[in-house]
């Protein structure tokens, strides 16, 4: 039963993070179509999560997009926390 709950929470977070990327990132700086949230692995305590993403494009585009994601991670966390209870 617990594994089923974690699976549902992982899927909920994956969808919500994908949605909140559109609010947290500037489309004139980052091409949002190149980013895909592939997996979310949340800890059993529901406090920490590892988010796996896929970025399409050249290595230069990937590095630039990853830089912007890391720079805006606190804003993304805040937006997700507001919508997921």
C-alpha atoms as a PDB file:
ATOM      1  CA  UNK A   1       0.000   0.000   0.000  1.00  0.00           C
ATOM      2  CA  UNK A   2       2.782   2.441   0.860  1.00  0.00           C
ATOM      3  CA  UNK A   3       4.558   1.886  -2.466  1.00  0.00           C
ATOM      4  CA  UNK A   4       1.298   2.629  -4.292  1.00  0.00           C
ATOM      5  CA  UNK A   5       0.979   5.921  -2.424  1.00  0.00           C
ATOM      6  CA  UNK A   6       4.547   6.908  -3.267  1.00  0.00           C
ATOM      7  CA  UNK A   7       3.893   6.095  -6.918  1.00  0.00           C
ATOM      8  CA  UNK A   8       0.839   8.365  -6.946  1.00  0.00           C
ATOM      9  CA  UNK A   9       2.734  11.180  -5.200  1.00  0.00           C
ATOM     10  CA  UNK A  10       5.648  10.813  -7.644  1.00  0.00           C
ATOM     11  CA  UNK A  11       3.277  11.094 -10.603  1.00  0.00           C
ATOM     12  CA  UNK A  12       1.465  14.076  -9.086  1.00  0.00           C
ATOM     13  CA  UNK A  13       4.750  15.901  -8.520  1.00  0.00           C
ATOM     14  CA  UNK A  14       5.999  15.058 -12.012  1.00  0.00           C
ATOM     15  CA  UNK A  15       2.927  16.636 -13.598  1.00  0.00           C
ATOM     16  CA  UNK A  16       2.896  19.644 -11.266  1.00  0.00           C
ATOM     17  CA  UNK A  17       6.602  20.399 -11.761  1.00  0.00           C
ATOM     18  CA  UNK A  18       6.109  20.230 -15.514  1.00  0.00           C
ATOM     19  CA  UNK A  19       3.258  22.726 -15.290  1.00  0.00           C
ATOM     20  CA  UNK A  20       5.089  25.102 -12.961  1.00  0.00           C
ATOM     21  CA  UNK A  21       8.113  25.281 -15.261  1.00  0.00           C
ATOM     22  CA  UNK A  22       5.967  27.435 -17.546  1.00  0.00           C
ATOM     23  CA  UNK A  23       5.378  29.919 -14.729  1.00  0.00           C
ATOM     24  CA  UNK A  24       8.895  29.982 -13.306  1.00  0.00           C
ATOM     25  CA  UNK A  25      10.973  30.147 -16.492  1.00  0.00           C
ATOM     26  CA  UNK A  26      11.030  32.941 -19.026  1.00  0.00           C
ATOM     27  CA  UNK A  27      10.137  31.599 -22.499  1.00  0.00           C
ATOM     28  CA  UNK A  28      12.273  34.273 -24.157  1.00  0.00           C
ATOM     29  CA  UNK A  29      15.346  32.856 -22.378  1.00  0.00           C
ATOM     30  CA  UNK A  30      14.603  29.104 -22.295  1.00  0.00           C
ATOM     31  CA  UNK A  31      12.794  27.040 -24.922  1.00  0.00           C
ATOM     32  CA  UNK A  32      10.305  25.235 -22.696  1.00  0.00           C
ATOM     33  CA  UNK A  33       9.532  22.688 -25.417  1.00  0.00           C
ATOM     34  CA  UNK A  34      12.984  21.171 -24.916  1.00  0.00           C
ATOM     35  CA  UNK A  35      12.397  20.266 -21.241  1.00  0.00           C
ATOM     36  CA  UNK A  36      10.676  17.066 -20.125  1.00  0.00           C
ATOM     37  CA  UNK A  37      10.258  15.981 -16.524  1.00  0.00           C
ATOM     38  CA  UNK A  38      10.793  12.228 -16.871  1.00  0.00           C
ATOM     39  CA  UNK A  39      10.691  10.916 -13.292  1.00  0.00           C
ATOM     40  CA  UNK A  40      10.269  12.065  -9.730  1.00  0.00           C
ATOM     41  CA  UNK A  41      11.533   9.891  -6.892  1.00  0.00           C
ATOM     42  CA  UNK A  42      10.311  11.076  -3.524  1.00  0.00           C
ATOM     43  CA  UNK A  43      11.741   9.827  -0.235  1.00  0.00           C
ATOM     44  CA  UNK A  44       9.630   7.750   2.102  1.00  0.00           C
ATOM     45  CA  UNK A  45       9.398  10.736   4.486  1.00  0.00           C
ATOM     46  CA  UNK A  46       7.849  12.859   1.659  1.00  0.00           C
ATOM     47  CA  UNK A  47      10.295  15.704   2.335  1.00  0.00           C
ATOM     48  CA  UNK A  48      12.955  15.187  -0.323  1.00  0.00           C
ATOM     49  CA  UNK A  49      12.575  14.367  -3.984  1.00  0.00           C
ATOM     50  CA  UNK A  50      14.904  13.778  -6.883  1.00  0.00           C
ATOM     51  CA  UNK A  51      13.621  15.148 -10.175  1.00  0.00           C
ATOM     52  CA  UNK A  52      14.968  13.720 -13.421  1.00  0.00           C
ATOM     53  CA  UNK A  53      14.653  15.817 -16.541  1.00  0.00           C
ATOM     54  CA  UNK A  54      15.459  15.427 -20.189  1.00  0.00           C
ATOM     55  CA  UNK A  55      16.638  18.386 -22.255  1.00  0.00           C
ATOM     56  CA  UNK A  56      16.684  18.123 -26.030  1.00  0.00           C
ATOM     57  CA  UNK A  57      19.136  20.048 -28.141  1.00  0.00           C
ATOM     58  CA  UNK A  58      22.834  20.621 -28.500  1.00  0.00           C
ATOM     59  CA  UNK A  59      25.098  20.382 -25.453  1.00  0.00           C
ATOM     60  CA  UNK A  60      25.275  24.185 -25.396  1.00  0.00           C
ATOM     61  CA  UNK A  61      21.478  24.471 -25.239  1.00  0.00           C
ATOM     62  CA  UNK A  62      21.324  21.731 -22.624  1.00  0.00           C
ATOM     63  CA  UNK A  63      23.890  23.474 -20.410  1.00  0.00           C
ATOM     64  CA  UNK A  64      22.163  26.842 -20.757  1.00  0.00           C
ATOM     65  CA  UNK A  65      18.759  25.340 -19.921  1.00  0.00           C
ATOM     66  CA  UNK A  66      20.167  23.430 -16.955  1.00  0.00           C
ATOM     67  CA  UNK A  67      21.788  26.632 -15.690  1.00  0.00           C
ATOM     68  CA  UNK A  68      18.430  28.439 -15.789  1.00  0.00           C
ATOM     69  CA  UNK A  69      16.676  25.521 -14.095  1.00  0.00           C
ATOM     70  CA  UNK A  70      19.226  25.497 -11.283  1.00  0.00           C
ATOM     71  CA  UNK A  71      19.025  29.278 -10.970  1.00  0.00           C
ATOM     72  CA  UNK A  72      15.208  29.194 -10.655  1.00  0.00           C
ATOM     73  CA  UNK A  73      14.876  26.010  -8.580  1.00  0.00           C
ATOM     74  CA  UNK A  74      13.687  27.840  -5.447  1.00  0.00           C
ATOM     75  CA  UNK A  75      10.912  29.575  -7.393  1.00  0.00           C
ATOM     76  CA  UNK A  76       9.857  26.255  -8.904  1.00  0.00           C
ATOM     77  CA  UNK A  77       9.848  24.644  -5.441  1.00  0.00           C
ATOM     78  CA  UNK A  78       7.727  27.461  -4.042  1.00  0.00           C
ATOM     79  CA  UNK A  79       5.178  27.236  -6.876  1.00  0.00           C
ATOM     80  CA  UNK A  80       4.895  23.467  -6.539  1.00  0.00           C
ATOM     81  CA  UNK A  81       4.516  23.714  -2.755  1.00  0.00           C
ATOM     82  CA  UNK A  82       1.637  26.186  -3.195  1.00  0.00           C
ATOM     83  CA  UNK A  83      -0.284  23.762  -5.419  1.00  0.00           C
ATOM     84  CA  UNK A  84       0.481  20.384  -3.849  1.00  0.00           C
ATOM     85  CA  UNK A  85      -0.896  19.690  -0.394  1.00  0.00           C
END
